[in-house]
Amino acid sequence: MDAEGLKELFEPFGPVSVKRMFSGHGIYADGWCFALSLRGEIYLRTDAESAAALAAAGSSPFVYERGEKSITTNLWRLIASAYDDPDELKRWSNLALAAARRIGEAKAHKAMARKAKATAPRKKTARKKI
């Protein structure tokens, strides 16, 4: 699906922007990448909370091979009924957008903590005289 087709598909959810990403398209709302169109499928961003809901609905994660290893991602296939049902599309898209926000905020918090730790003055410790 091309960028215009993706914008049209997600119209019931709200305005989205679409950017080329890897060999597909990243789908953004409110500045957050919440979905990816790849290899003819749409995958939604998930975390532990939202992945469980998608699994219960019969979805599966995007898995790719790296050498002899299978890598399972936090991107789960959009439920087939969501392509034809605007309410379903909104439901799953809202779930994915919320997960994208949680993931992004957690990463930002970790980055700030690392930066604070790196710039914090070191405590001086007393040295033993021998």
N, C-alpha and C. Protein backbone atom coordinates (compact mmCIF):
# COMPACT_ATOMS: atom_id res chain seq x y z
N MET A 1 0.85 -1.17 0.00
CA MET A 1 0.00 0.00 0.00
C MET A 1 0.90 1.24 0.00
N ASP A 2 0.57 2.20 -0.83
CA ASP A 2 1.38 3.42 -0.89
C ASP A 2 0.97 4.40 0.22
N ALA A 3 1.69 5.51 0.31
CA ALA A 3 1.47 6.48 1.39
C ALA A 3 0.04 7.02 1.38
N GLU A 4 -0.48 7.36 0.21
CA GLU A 4 -1.85 7.90 0.14
C GLU A 4 -2.88 6.86 0.55
N GLY A 5 -2.67 5.61 0.17
CA GLY A 5 -3.58 4.54 0.56
C GLY A 5 -3.58 4.34 2.07
N LEU A 6 -2.40 4.47 2.70
CA LEU A 6 -2.31 4.34 4.15
C LEU A 6 -3.03 5.48 4.86
N LYS A 7 -2.85 6.70 4.34
CA LYS A 7 -3.56 7.84 4.93
C LYS A 7 -5.07 7.64 4.84
N GLU A 8 -5.52 7.13 3.71
CA GLU A 8 -6.95 6.89 3.51
C GLU A 8 -7.45 5.79 4.45
N LEU A 9 -6.67 4.72 4.59
CA LEU A 9 -7.07 3.62 5.48
C LEU A 9 -7.24 4.11 6.92
N PHE A 10 -6.30 4.94 7.39
CA PHE A 10 -6.31 5.39 8.78
C PHE A 10 -7.18 6.63 9.00
N GLU A 11 -7.85 7.11 7.96
CA GLU A 11 -8.70 8.30 8.08
C GLU A 11 -9.72 8.21 9.22
N PRO A 12 -10.38 7.05 9.44
CA PRO A 12 -11.33 6.97 10.57
C PRO A 12 -10.65 7.18 11.93
N PHE A 13 -9.38 6.83 12.03
CA PHE A 13 -8.62 6.99 13.27
C PHE A 13 -8.25 8.45 13.49
N GLY A 14 -7.93 9.12 12.42
CA GLY A 14 -7.52 10.52 12.50
C GLY A 14 -6.39 10.79 11.53
N PRO A 15 -5.91 12.02 11.49
CA PRO A 15 -4.85 12.35 10.54
C PRO A 15 -3.54 11.63 10.91
N VAL A 16 -2.91 11.07 9.91
CA VAL A 16 -1.62 10.42 10.09
C VAL A 16 -0.65 10.96 9.05
N SER A 17 0.62 10.87 9.37
CA SER A 17 1.64 11.16 8.36
C SER A 17 2.35 9.84 8.08
N VAL A 18 2.87 9.74 6.88
CA VAL A 18 3.50 8.51 6.44
C VAL A 18 4.89 8.85 5.91
N LYS A 19 5.89 8.11 6.40
CA LYS A 19 7.27 8.34 5.97
C LYS A 19 7.89 7.02 5.54
N ARG A 20 8.70 7.09 4.48
CA ARG A 20 9.42 5.90 4.04
C ARG A 20 10.29 5.41 5.18
N MET A 21 10.27 4.11 5.40
CA MET A 21 11.05 3.53 6.49
C MET A 21 11.41 2.10 6.09
N PHE A 22 12.67 1.77 6.17
CA PHE A 22 13.14 0.44 5.78
C PHE A 22 12.63 0.16 4.37
N SER A 23 11.95 -0.97 4.18
CA SER A 23 11.40 -1.25 2.85
C SER A 23 9.89 -1.04 2.84
N GLY A 24 9.41 -0.22 3.78
CA GLY A 24 7.98 0.06 3.87
C GLY A 24 7.73 1.50 4.26
N HIS A 25 6.72 1.70 5.09
CA HIS A 25 6.34 3.05 5.55
C HIS A 25 6.08 3.04 7.04
N GLY A 26 6.55 4.07 7.73
CA GLY A 26 6.19 4.31 9.12
C GLY A 26 4.94 5.17 9.14
N ILE A 27 4.02 4.86 10.04
CA ILE A 27 2.76 5.59 10.14
C ILE A 27 2.75 6.31 11.49
N TYR A 28 2.58 7.64 11.44
CA TYR A 28 2.73 8.49 12.62
C TYR A 28 1.43 9.23 12.94
N ALA A 29 1.19 9.39 14.24
CA ALA A 29 0.10 10.24 14.72
C ALA A 29 0.64 11.00 15.92
N ASP A 30 0.40 12.27 15.97
CA ASP A 30 0.87 13.12 17.07
C ASP A 30 2.38 13.01 17.28
N GLY A 31 3.11 12.76 16.20
CA GLY A 31 4.56 12.66 16.28
C GLY A 31 5.08 11.30 16.69
N TRP A 32 4.22 10.35 16.96
CA TRP A 32 4.63 9.01 17.40
C TRP A 32 4.44 8.01 16.28
N CYS A 33 5.45 7.18 16.05
CA CYS A 33 5.34 6.10 15.06
C CYS A 33 4.61 4.95 15.74
N PHE A 34 3.37 4.70 15.34
CA PHE A 34 2.56 3.68 15.99
C PHE A 34 2.29 2.47 15.10
N ALA A 35 2.67 2.56 13.83
CA ALA A 35 2.43 1.44 12.92
C ALA A 35 3.47 1.44 11.81
N LEU A 36 3.60 0.27 11.18
CA LEU A 36 4.54 0.11 10.09
C LEU A 36 3.87 -0.71 9.00
N SER A 37 3.95 -0.23 7.78
CA SER A 37 3.46 -0.98 6.63
C SER A 37 4.68 -1.64 6.00
N LEU A 38 4.67 -2.96 5.98
CA LEU A 38 5.84 -3.70 5.52
C LEU A 38 5.41 -4.99 4.86
N ARG A 39 5.93 -5.24 3.67
CA ARG A 39 5.67 -6.49 2.95
C ARG A 39 4.19 -6.77 2.75
N GLY A 40 3.42 -5.71 2.50
CA GLY A 40 2.00 -5.87 2.23
C GLY A 40 1.12 -6.04 3.46
N GLU A 41 1.70 -5.90 4.63
CA GLU A 41 0.96 -6.02 5.88
C GLU A 41 1.13 -4.74 6.69
N ILE A 42 0.20 -4.53 7.62
CA ILE A 42 0.33 -3.41 8.56
C ILE A 42 0.54 -4.01 9.93
N TYR A 43 1.58 -3.50 10.59
CA TYR A 43 1.93 -3.96 11.93
C TYR A 43 1.79 -2.79 12.90
N LEU A 44 1.25 -3.08 14.08
CA LEU A 44 1.04 -2.06 15.10
C LEU A 44 2.09 -2.18 16.19
N ARG A 45 2.51 -1.05 16.71
CA ARG A 45 3.48 -0.99 17.81
C ARG A 45 2.82 -1.53 19.07
N THR A 46 3.54 -2.35 19.82
CA THR A 46 2.98 -2.93 21.03
C THR A 46 3.97 -2.86 22.19
N ASP A 47 3.41 -3.01 23.37
CA ASP A 47 4.19 -3.26 24.57
C ASP A 47 3.50 -4.45 25.24
N ALA A 48 3.90 -4.81 26.44
CA ALA A 48 3.33 -6.00 27.09
C ALA A 48 1.80 -5.91 27.21
N GLU A 49 1.32 -4.73 27.52
CA GLU A 49 -0.12 -4.53 27.70
C GLU A 49 -0.90 -4.73 26.39
N SER A 50 -0.45 -4.09 25.34
CA SER A 50 -1.20 -4.16 24.08
C SER A 50 -0.94 -5.45 23.30
N ALA A 51 0.24 -6.05 23.44
CA ALA A 51 0.53 -7.30 22.75
C ALA A 51 -0.43 -8.40 23.21
N ALA A 52 -0.73 -8.41 24.49
CA ALA A 52 -1.65 -9.42 25.01
C ALA A 52 -3.03 -9.29 24.37
N ALA A 53 -3.49 -8.07 24.18
CA ALA A 53 -4.80 -7.85 23.56
C ALA A 53 -4.80 -8.31 22.10
N LEU A 54 -3.74 -8.01 21.39
CA LEU A 54 -3.66 -8.43 19.99
C LEU A 54 -3.52 -9.95 19.88
N ALA A 55 -2.77 -10.55 20.78
CA ALA A 55 -2.64 -12.02 20.78
C ALA A 55 -4.00 -12.67 21.02
N ALA A 56 -4.75 -12.13 21.97
CA ALA A 56 -6.08 -12.67 22.27
C ALA A 56 -7.03 -12.54 21.08
N ALA A 57 -6.79 -11.53 20.23
CA ALA A 57 -7.64 -11.32 19.05
C ALA A 57 -7.17 -12.15 17.85
N GLY A 58 -6.09 -12.91 18.03
CA GLY A 58 -5.62 -13.78 16.95
C GLY A 58 -4.50 -13.22 16.10
N SER A 59 -3.91 -12.11 16.51
CA SER A 59 -2.82 -11.51 15.76
C SER A 59 -1.51 -12.25 16.06
N SER A 60 -0.47 -11.89 15.31
CA SER A 60 0.85 -12.48 15.53
C SER A 60 1.91 -11.40 15.32
N PRO A 61 3.07 -11.57 15.97
CA PRO A 61 4.11 -10.56 15.83
C PRO A 61 4.88 -10.69 14.52
N PHE A 62 5.56 -9.61 14.15
CA PHE A 62 6.46 -9.63 13.01
C PHE A 62 7.74 -10.32 13.46
N VAL A 63 8.14 -11.35 12.74
CA VAL A 63 9.35 -12.11 13.06
C VAL A 63 10.23 -12.11 11.81
N TYR A 64 11.52 -11.88 12.02
CA TYR A 64 12.45 -11.95 10.90
C TYR A 64 13.66 -12.78 11.30
N GLU A 65 14.40 -13.21 10.31
CA GLU A 65 15.58 -14.06 10.53
C GLU A 65 16.85 -13.23 10.46
N ARG A 66 17.73 -13.45 11.41
CA ARG A 66 19.06 -12.85 11.40
C ARG A 66 20.03 -14.00 11.59
N GLY A 67 20.66 -14.37 10.48
CA GLY A 67 21.52 -15.56 10.53
C GLY A 67 20.65 -16.77 10.82
N GLU A 68 20.97 -17.48 11.88
CA GLU A 68 20.19 -18.66 12.25
C GLU A 68 19.19 -18.36 13.37
N LYS A 69 19.08 -17.10 13.75
CA LYS A 69 18.17 -16.71 14.84
C LYS A 69 16.89 -16.10 14.29
N SER A 70 15.79 -16.38 14.96
CA SER A 70 14.53 -15.71 14.68
C SER A 70 14.37 -14.57 15.67
N ILE A 71 14.12 -13.38 15.17
CA ILE A 71 13.95 -12.19 16.01
C ILE A 71 12.47 -11.81 16.00
N THR A 72 11.86 -11.80 17.18
CA THR A 72 10.46 -11.39 17.33
C THR A 72 10.45 -9.93 17.75
N THR A 73 9.68 -9.13 17.04
CA THR A 73 9.64 -7.69 17.29
C THR A 73 8.42 -7.32 18.15
N ASN A 74 8.32 -6.05 18.49
CA ASN A 74 7.16 -5.55 19.21
C ASN A 74 6.14 -4.95 18.23
N LEU A 75 6.14 -5.44 17.01
CA LEU A 75 5.17 -5.05 15.99
C LEU A 75 4.25 -6.24 15.73
N TRP A 76 2.94 -6.02 15.89
CA TRP A 76 1.97 -7.10 15.69
C TRP A 76 1.04 -6.75 14.54
N ARG A 77 0.69 -7.78 13.78
CA ARG A 77 -0.16 -7.64 12.59
C ARG A 77 -1.52 -7.04 12.96
N LEU A 78 -1.95 -6.06 12.16
CA LEU A 78 -3.28 -5.46 12.32
C LEU A 78 -4.33 -6.54 12.08
N ILE A 79 -5.33 -6.61 12.95
CA ILE A 79 -6.41 -7.59 12.84
C ILE A 79 -7.14 -7.38 11.50
N ALA A 80 -7.40 -8.46 10.79
CA ALA A 80 -7.99 -8.38 9.45
C ALA A 80 -9.30 -7.61 9.42
N SER A 81 -10.13 -7.76 10.44
CA SER A 81 -11.43 -7.07 10.44
C SER A 81 -11.28 -5.56 10.51
N ALA A 82 -10.14 -5.07 10.97
CA ALA A 82 -9.92 -3.62 11.11
C ALA A 82 -9.79 -2.93 9.75
N TYR A 83 -9.47 -3.67 8.71
CA TYR A 83 -9.36 -3.07 7.37
C TYR A 83 -10.73 -2.61 6.85
N ASP A 84 -11.78 -3.29 7.31
CA ASP A 84 -13.13 -2.98 6.81
C ASP A 84 -14.04 -2.34 7.85
N ASP A 85 -13.63 -2.33 9.11
CA ASP A 85 -14.46 -1.81 10.18
C ASP A 85 -13.78 -0.61 10.83
N PRO A 86 -14.27 0.61 10.56
CA PRO A 86 -13.63 1.82 11.10
C PRO A 86 -13.51 1.82 12.63
N ASP A 87 -14.50 1.26 13.33
CA ASP A 87 -14.43 1.22 14.79
C ASP A 87 -13.30 0.30 15.27
N GLU A 88 -13.15 -0.83 14.59
CA GLU A 88 -12.05 -1.75 14.92
C GLU A 88 -10.70 -1.09 14.64
N LEU A 89 -10.61 -0.40 13.51
CA LEU A 89 -9.37 0.29 13.16
C LEU A 89 -9.02 1.33 14.22
N LYS A 90 -10.00 2.09 14.64
CA LYS A 90 -9.76 3.11 15.69
C LYS A 90 -9.32 2.45 16.99
N ARG A 91 -9.99 1.37 17.36
CA ARG A 91 -9.65 0.68 18.61
C ARG A 91 -8.19 0.22 18.62
N TRP A 92 -7.79 -0.48 17.56
CA TRP A 92 -6.44 -1.03 17.52
C TRP A 92 -5.40 0.08 17.33
N SER A 93 -5.74 1.09 16.57
CA SER A 93 -4.81 2.20 16.37
C SER A 93 -4.59 2.98 17.66
N ASN A 94 -5.65 3.22 18.41
CA ASN A 94 -5.51 3.90 19.70
C ASN A 94 -4.65 3.09 20.66
N LEU A 95 -4.82 1.78 20.65
CA LEU A 95 -4.02 0.90 21.50
C LEU A 95 -2.54 0.99 21.10
N ALA A 96 -2.28 0.99 19.80
CA ALA A 96 -0.90 1.08 19.31
C ALA A 96 -0.28 2.44 19.61
N LEU A 97 -1.05 3.50 19.45
CA LEU A 97 -0.54 4.84 19.74
C LEU A 97 -0.20 4.98 21.22
N ALA A 98 -1.05 4.44 22.08
CA ALA A 98 -0.78 4.48 23.53
C ALA A 98 0.49 3.71 23.85
N ALA A 99 0.69 2.56 23.22
CA ALA A 99 1.91 1.77 23.44
C ALA A 99 3.13 2.54 22.95
N ALA A 100 3.04 3.17 21.78
CA ALA A 100 4.16 3.95 21.25
C ALA A 100 4.54 5.07 22.21
N ARG A 101 3.54 5.72 22.79
CA ARG A 101 3.82 6.79 23.76
C ARG A 101 4.51 6.24 25.01
N ARG A 102 4.00 5.11 25.53
CA ARG A 102 4.60 4.53 26.73
C ARG A 102 6.05 4.12 26.47
N ILE A 103 6.29 3.50 25.32
CA ILE A 103 7.64 3.07 24.97
C ILE A 103 8.55 4.29 24.82
N GLY A 104 8.08 5.30 24.11
CA GLY A 104 8.88 6.50 23.89
C GLY A 104 9.18 7.24 25.18
N GLU A 105 8.20 7.34 26.05
CA GLU A 105 8.41 8.03 27.32
C GLU A 105 9.37 7.25 28.22
N ALA A 106 9.29 5.93 28.20
CA ALA A 106 10.21 5.11 29.00
C ALA A 106 11.64 5.27 28.49
N LYS A 107 11.81 5.29 27.17
CA LYS A 107 13.15 5.48 26.59
C LYS A 107 13.70 6.86 26.95
N ALA A 108 12.86 7.88 26.89
CA ALA A 108 13.31 9.24 27.22
C ALA A 108 13.70 9.32 28.68
N HIS A 109 12.94 8.67 29.55
CA HIS A 109 13.24 8.68 30.98
C HIS A 109 14.59 8.00 31.23
N LYS A 110 14.84 6.86 30.58
CA LYS A 110 16.11 6.15 30.74
C LYS A 110 17.27 7.00 30.23
N ALA A 111 17.07 7.66 29.10
CA ALA A 111 18.13 8.50 28.53
C ALA A 111 18.46 9.66 29.46
N MET A 112 17.43 10.27 30.05
CA MET A 112 17.67 11.38 30.99
C MET A 112 18.41 10.88 32.23
N ALA A 113 18.06 9.70 32.71
CA ALA A 113 18.72 9.14 33.89
C ALA A 113 20.19 8.85 33.59
N ARG A 114 20.48 8.31 32.40
CA ARG A 114 21.87 8.06 32.00
C ARG A 114 22.65 9.35 31.91
N LYS A 115 22.03 10.37 31.32
CA LYS A 115 22.70 11.66 31.16
C LYS A 115 22.97 12.29 32.52
N ALA A 116 22.00 12.22 33.42
CA ALA A 116 22.18 12.77 34.76
C ALA A 116 23.30 12.05 35.50
N LYS A 117 23.35 10.75 35.34
CA LYS A 117 24.39 9.96 36.01
C LYS A 117 25.77 10.31 35.45
N ALA A 118 25.85 10.51 34.16
CA ALA A 118 27.13 10.82 33.51
C ALA A 118 27.64 12.20 33.89
N THR A 119 26.74 13.15 34.16
CA THR A 119 27.16 14.52 34.46
C THR A 119 27.20 14.82 35.95
N ALA A 120 26.76 13.87 36.77
CA ALA A 120 26.76 14.08 38.23
C ALA A 120 28.19 14.12 38.75
N PRO A 121 28.46 15.04 39.67
CA PRO A 121 29.82 15.09 40.24
C PRO A 121 30.08 13.83 41.06
N ARG A 122 31.31 13.38 40.99
CA ARG A 122 31.68 12.18 41.72
C ARG A 122 31.96 12.53 43.18
N LYS A 123 31.59 11.61 44.03
CA LYS A 123 31.89 11.80 45.45
C LYS A 123 33.37 11.51 45.66
N LYS A 124 33.98 12.34 46.47
CA LYS A 124 35.36 12.09 46.82
C LYS A 124 35.37 11.16 48.03
N THR A 125 36.18 10.15 47.93
CA THR A 125 36.31 9.22 49.04
C THR A 125 37.65 9.40 49.70
N ALA A 126 37.67 9.19 50.97
CA ALA A 126 38.93 9.33 51.71
C ALA A 126 39.85 8.18 51.33
N ARG A 127 41.09 8.51 51.11
CA ARG A 127 42.08 7.50 50.78
C ARG A 127 42.83 7.09 52.03
N LYS A 128 43.08 5.83 52.08
CA LYS A 128 43.86 5.33 53.22
C LYS A 128 45.34 5.63 52.96
N LYS A 129 45.98 6.08 53.97
CA LYS A 129 47.42 6.27 53.86
C LYS A 129 48.11 5.02 54.34
N ILE A 130 49.08 4.62 53.59
CA ILE A 130 49.80 3.41 53.94
C ILE A 130 51.17 3.75 54.46
